Amino acid sequence: MPAKRGAHISGSEHQSSSIQSTTQRNGQVQLTAPYIGFIKKHMQAEGPDPAEVEAMKVELAELRQKVELLEAENMELKRGLNTAAQSHTTSTAPGQTPIETS
């Protein structure tokens, strides 16, 4: 029986998928994907390695902290931009064209 091949498996036609193709032979489906090793490793019967889970939790906490810092910095920059824009519009007299500086 010849193998059936399908293209891009995803929940939606518009989503990109890391699964590139499937091959179906005798009721078995074989997936071909760039990260198939990752999938196989994390589908093991004994579950994930506790040390790896802990390392991922630490990394997640660090990333969340970094996101908070970047969000705060972004707010400060937006406030500075708004302040600069307001002072620029008040310093320009009506009917006068502002001079752009680079």
N, C-alpha and C. Protein backbone atom coordinates (compact mmCIF):
# COMPACT_ATOMS: atom_id res chain seq x y z
N MET A 1 0.85 -1.18 0.00
CA MET A 1 0.00 0.00 0.00
C MET A 1 0.89 1.24 0.00
N PRO A 2 0.68 2.19 -0.91
CA PRO A 2 1.52 3.38 -0.95
C PRO A 2 1.25 4.28 0.24
N ALA A 3 2.27 5.02 0.60
CA ALA A 3 2.16 5.93 1.74
C ALA A 3 1.36 7.16 1.34
N LYS A 4 0.49 7.61 2.26
CA LYS A 4 -0.25 8.84 2.06
C LYS A 4 0.55 9.97 2.68
N ARG A 5 0.62 11.09 2.00
CA ARG A 5 1.37 12.22 2.53
C ARG A 5 0.43 13.40 2.67
N GLY A 6 0.59 14.13 3.75
CA GLY A 6 -0.19 15.34 3.98
C GLY A 6 0.74 16.49 4.25
N ALA A 7 0.27 17.69 4.00
CA ALA A 7 1.10 18.87 4.21
C ALA A 7 0.58 19.66 5.39
N HIS A 8 1.43 20.38 6.03
CA HIS A 8 1.17 21.28 7.16
C HIS A 8 -0.06 20.91 7.99
N ILE A 9 0.18 20.36 9.14
CA ILE A 9 -0.87 20.05 10.07
C ILE A 9 -0.91 21.17 11.10
N SER A 10 -2.07 21.79 11.26
CA SER A 10 -2.23 22.82 12.28
C SER A 10 -3.70 22.94 12.61
N GLY A 11 -4.01 23.67 13.67
CA GLY A 11 -5.39 23.88 14.06
C GLY A 11 -6.11 24.78 13.08
N SER A 12 -5.41 25.56 12.34
CA SER A 12 -6.00 26.50 11.40
C SER A 12 -5.16 26.52 10.13
N GLU A 13 -5.81 26.77 9.01
CA GLU A 13 -5.09 26.84 7.74
C GLU A 13 -4.12 28.01 7.73
N HIS A 14 -4.41 29.05 8.51
CA HIS A 14 -3.60 30.26 8.48
C HIS A 14 -2.44 30.22 9.45
N GLN A 15 -2.41 29.28 10.37
CA GLN A 15 -1.31 29.19 11.32
C GLN A 15 -0.16 28.43 10.69
N SER A 16 1.05 28.88 11.02
CA SER A 16 2.20 28.10 10.58
C SER A 16 2.41 26.98 11.57
N SER A 17 2.95 25.91 11.14
CA SER A 17 3.15 24.76 12.00
C SER A 17 4.57 24.28 11.88
N SER A 18 5.11 23.81 13.02
CA SER A 18 6.44 23.26 12.96
C SER A 18 6.42 21.84 12.40
N ILE A 19 5.24 21.23 12.33
CA ILE A 19 5.13 19.91 11.73
C ILE A 19 5.03 20.12 10.23
N GLN A 20 6.01 19.61 9.50
CA GLN A 20 6.08 19.88 8.08
C GLN A 20 5.30 18.87 7.24
N SER A 21 5.28 17.63 7.63
CA SER A 21 4.54 16.65 6.84
C SER A 21 4.27 15.41 7.69
N THR A 22 3.37 14.58 7.20
CA THR A 22 3.11 13.30 7.86
C THR A 22 3.19 12.21 6.81
N THR A 23 3.52 11.04 7.27
CA THR A 23 3.51 9.86 6.41
C THR A 23 2.66 8.82 7.12
N GLN A 24 1.66 8.28 6.45
CA GLN A 24 0.78 7.30 7.07
C GLN A 24 0.97 5.96 6.38
N ARG A 25 1.39 4.99 7.16
CA ARG A 25 1.59 3.63 6.64
C ARG A 25 0.95 2.65 7.62
N ASN A 26 0.09 1.82 7.11
CA ASN A 26 -0.54 0.77 7.91
C ASN A 26 -1.13 1.31 9.20
N GLY A 27 -1.77 2.46 9.14
CA GLY A 27 -2.41 3.03 10.33
C GLY A 27 -1.48 3.78 11.26
N GLN A 28 -0.19 3.79 10.98
CA GLN A 28 0.75 4.52 11.82
C GLN A 28 1.07 5.86 11.17
N VAL A 29 1.19 6.87 12.01
CA VAL A 29 1.51 8.21 11.52
C VAL A 29 2.92 8.56 11.97
N GLN A 30 3.74 8.97 11.03
CA GLN A 30 5.10 9.39 11.34
C GLN A 30 5.18 10.89 11.08
N LEU A 31 5.64 11.65 12.06
CA LEU A 31 5.75 13.09 11.94
C LEU A 31 7.17 13.48 11.58
N THR A 32 7.30 14.43 10.70
CA THR A 32 8.60 14.98 10.34
C THR A 32 8.58 16.45 10.75
N ALA A 33 9.39 16.83 11.71
CA ALA A 33 9.39 18.20 12.20
C ALA A 33 10.79 18.61 12.60
N PRO A 34 11.07 19.91 12.57
CA PRO A 34 12.39 20.38 12.98
C PRO A 34 12.71 20.06 14.44
N TYR A 35 11.69 20.03 15.28
CA TYR A 35 11.90 19.83 16.71
C TYR A 35 11.42 18.47 17.18
N ILE A 36 11.48 17.47 16.32
CA ILE A 36 10.99 16.15 16.69
C ILE A 36 11.77 15.56 17.86
N GLY A 37 13.07 15.87 17.96
CA GLY A 37 13.86 15.40 19.09
C GLY A 37 13.36 15.98 20.40
N PHE A 38 13.01 17.26 20.38
CA PHE A 38 12.46 17.92 21.56
C PHE A 38 11.14 17.26 21.97
N ILE A 39 10.28 17.00 20.99
CA ILE A 39 8.99 16.38 21.27
C ILE A 39 9.19 15.00 21.86
N LYS A 40 10.06 14.20 21.26
CA LYS A 40 10.30 12.84 21.77
C LYS A 40 10.84 12.88 23.19
N LYS A 41 11.77 13.80 23.46
CA LYS A 41 12.39 13.89 24.78
C LYS A 41 11.35 14.20 25.85
N HIS A 42 10.43 15.11 25.53
CA HIS A 42 9.47 15.56 26.53
C HIS A 42 8.20 14.71 26.57
N MET A 43 8.12 13.68 25.76
CA MET A 43 6.98 12.77 25.79
C MET A 43 7.36 11.45 26.48
N GLN A 44 8.48 11.43 27.17
CA GLN A 44 8.93 10.22 27.84
C GLN A 44 7.94 9.82 28.93
N ALA A 45 7.87 8.52 29.19
CA ALA A 45 6.92 7.99 30.16
C ALA A 45 7.20 8.45 31.58
N GLU A 46 8.46 8.61 31.95
CA GLU A 46 8.78 8.97 33.33
C GLU A 46 8.59 10.46 33.62
N GLY A 47 8.30 11.24 32.63
CA GLY A 47 8.07 12.67 32.83
C GLY A 47 9.35 13.47 32.73
N PRO A 48 9.24 14.77 32.91
CA PRO A 48 10.41 15.63 32.76
C PRO A 48 11.39 15.47 33.92
N ASP A 49 12.62 15.80 33.66
CA ASP A 49 13.67 15.76 34.67
C ASP A 49 13.42 16.86 35.70
N PRO A 50 13.35 16.54 37.00
CA PRO A 50 13.08 17.56 38.02
C PRO A 50 14.08 18.71 38.01
N ALA A 51 15.34 18.43 37.75
CA ALA A 51 16.35 19.50 37.70
C ALA A 51 16.07 20.44 36.53
N GLU A 52 15.65 19.87 35.41
CA GLU A 52 15.32 20.69 34.24
C GLU A 52 14.08 21.55 34.51
N VAL A 53 13.10 20.98 35.19
CA VAL A 53 11.89 21.73 35.54
C VAL A 53 12.25 22.90 36.44
N GLU A 54 13.09 22.65 37.43
CA GLU A 54 13.50 23.71 38.35
C GLU A 54 14.27 24.81 37.62
N ALA A 55 15.15 24.41 36.72
CA ALA A 55 15.92 25.39 35.95
C ALA A 55 14.98 26.24 35.08
N MET A 56 13.96 25.61 34.52
CA MET A 56 13.00 26.35 33.70
C MET A 56 12.17 27.30 34.56
N LYS A 57 11.83 26.90 35.78
CA LYS A 57 11.09 27.79 36.69
C LYS A 57 11.92 29.01 37.04
N VAL A 58 13.20 28.80 37.30
CA VAL A 58 14.10 29.92 37.62
C VAL A 58 14.21 30.85 36.42
N GLU A 59 14.39 30.28 35.24
CA GLU A 59 14.49 31.09 34.02
C GLU A 59 13.20 31.87 33.78
N LEU A 60 12.06 31.24 34.02
CA LEU A 60 10.77 31.90 33.86
C LEU A 60 10.64 33.08 34.82
N ALA A 61 11.04 32.89 36.07
CA ALA A 61 10.99 33.98 37.05
C ALA A 61 11.89 35.14 36.62
N GLU A 62 13.09 34.82 36.13
CA GLU A 62 14.01 35.86 35.66
C GLU A 62 13.42 36.61 34.46
N LEU A 63 12.82 35.88 33.54
CA LEU A 63 12.22 36.51 32.36
C LEU A 63 11.04 37.40 32.74
N ARG A 64 10.23 36.94 33.70
CA ARG A 64 9.11 37.77 34.16
C ARG A 64 9.60 39.06 34.79
N GLN A 65 10.68 38.96 35.58
CA GLN A 65 11.26 40.15 36.20
C GLN A 65 11.79 41.10 35.13
N LYS A 66 12.43 40.55 34.12
CA LYS A 66 12.95 41.38 33.03
C LYS A 66 11.82 42.07 32.28
N VAL A 67 10.71 41.36 32.07
CA VAL A 67 9.54 41.95 31.41
C VAL A 67 9.02 43.13 32.23
N GLU A 68 8.93 42.96 33.54
CA GLU A 68 8.46 44.06 34.41
C GLU A 68 9.37 45.27 34.29
N LEU A 69 10.69 45.04 34.30
CA LEU A 69 11.64 46.15 34.17
C LEU A 69 11.51 46.85 32.82
N LEU A 70 11.37 46.07 31.76
CA LEU A 70 11.23 46.64 30.43
C LEU A 70 9.91 47.41 30.28
N GLU A 71 8.84 46.90 30.89
CA GLU A 71 7.57 47.62 30.84
C GLU A 71 7.67 48.95 31.58
N ALA A 72 8.35 48.96 32.74
CA ALA A 72 8.54 50.20 33.49
C ALA A 72 9.38 51.18 32.68
N GLU A 73 10.45 50.70 32.06
CA GLU A 73 11.30 51.56 31.24
C GLU A 73 10.51 52.11 30.05
N ASN A 74 9.68 51.28 29.45
CA ASN A 74 8.85 51.70 28.33
C ASN A 74 7.90 52.82 28.75
N MET A 75 7.29 52.69 29.92
CA MET A 75 6.38 53.73 30.42
C MET A 75 7.13 55.04 30.64
N GLU A 76 8.34 54.97 31.20
CA GLU A 76 9.14 56.17 31.42
C GLU A 76 9.49 56.85 30.10
N LEU A 77 9.86 56.06 29.11
CA LEU A 77 10.20 56.61 27.80
C LEU A 77 8.97 57.25 27.14
N LYS A 78 7.81 56.62 27.29
CA LYS A 78 6.58 57.19 26.73
C LYS A 78 6.25 58.51 27.41
N ARG A 79 6.42 58.56 28.74
CA ARG A 79 6.16 59.82 29.46
C ARG A 79 7.10 60.91 28.98
N GLY A 80 8.37 60.58 28.79
CA GLY A 80 9.35 61.54 28.30
C GLY A 80 9.01 62.01 26.90
N LEU A 81 8.55 61.10 26.06
CA LEU A 81 8.16 61.45 24.70
C LEU A 81 6.95 62.37 24.71
N ASN A 82 5.96 62.05 25.55
CA ASN A 82 4.77 62.89 25.64
C ASN A 82 5.13 64.28 26.16
N THR A 83 6.01 64.35 27.15
CA THR A 83 6.44 65.63 27.70
C THR A 83 7.16 66.45 26.64
N ALA A 84 8.04 65.82 25.89
CA ALA A 84 8.78 66.51 24.84
C ALA A 84 7.83 67.00 23.75
N ALA A 85 6.85 66.19 23.39
CA ALA A 85 5.89 66.59 22.36
C ALA A 85 5.05 67.77 22.83
N GLN A 86 4.65 67.75 24.11
CA GLN A 86 3.85 68.85 24.64
C GLN A 86 4.66 70.14 24.69
N SER A 87 5.90 70.07 25.12
CA SER A 87 6.73 71.27 25.20
C SER A 87 7.04 71.79 23.80
N HIS A 88 7.14 70.90 22.83
CA HIS A 88 7.42 71.31 21.45
C HIS A 88 6.22 72.06 20.87
N THR A 89 5.00 71.57 21.13
CA THR A 89 3.81 72.24 20.60
C THR A 89 3.56 73.56 21.29
N THR A 90 3.88 73.69 22.57
CA THR A 90 3.67 74.96 23.27
C THR A 90 4.73 75.98 22.90
N SER A 91 5.91 75.55 22.47
CA SER A 91 6.97 76.49 22.10
C SER A 91 6.81 77.01 20.68
N THR A 92 5.94 76.40 19.88
CA THR A 92 5.71 76.83 18.51
C THR A 92 4.52 77.79 18.50
N ALA A 93 4.73 78.99 17.99
CA ALA A 93 3.66 79.99 17.93
C ALA A 93 2.66 79.57 16.87
N PRO A 94 1.38 79.98 17.05
CA PRO A 94 0.37 79.63 16.04
C PRO A 94 0.75 80.18 14.67
N GLY A 95 0.61 79.36 13.65
CA GLY A 95 0.95 79.76 12.30
C GLY A 95 2.41 79.60 11.96
N GLN A 96 3.24 79.25 12.94
CA GLN A 96 4.67 79.08 12.72
C GLN A 96 4.96 77.61 12.49
N THR A 97 5.79 77.30 11.53
CA THR A 97 6.16 75.92 11.23
C THR A 97 7.31 75.51 12.14
N PRO A 98 7.15 74.41 12.88
CA PRO A 98 8.25 73.96 13.75
C PRO A 98 9.46 73.53 12.93
N ILE A 99 10.64 73.78 13.46
CA ILE A 99 11.88 73.40 12.80
C ILE A 99 12.29 72.04 13.33
N GLU A 100 12.46 71.10 12.42
CA GLU A 100 12.88 69.74 12.78
C GLU A 100 14.38 69.72 13.00
N THR A 101 14.81 69.09 14.08
CA THR A 101 16.24 68.89 14.33
C THR A 101 16.50 67.40 14.37
N SER A 102 17.67 67.01 13.91
CA SER A 102 17.97 65.58 13.92
C SER A 102 19.14 65.28 14.79
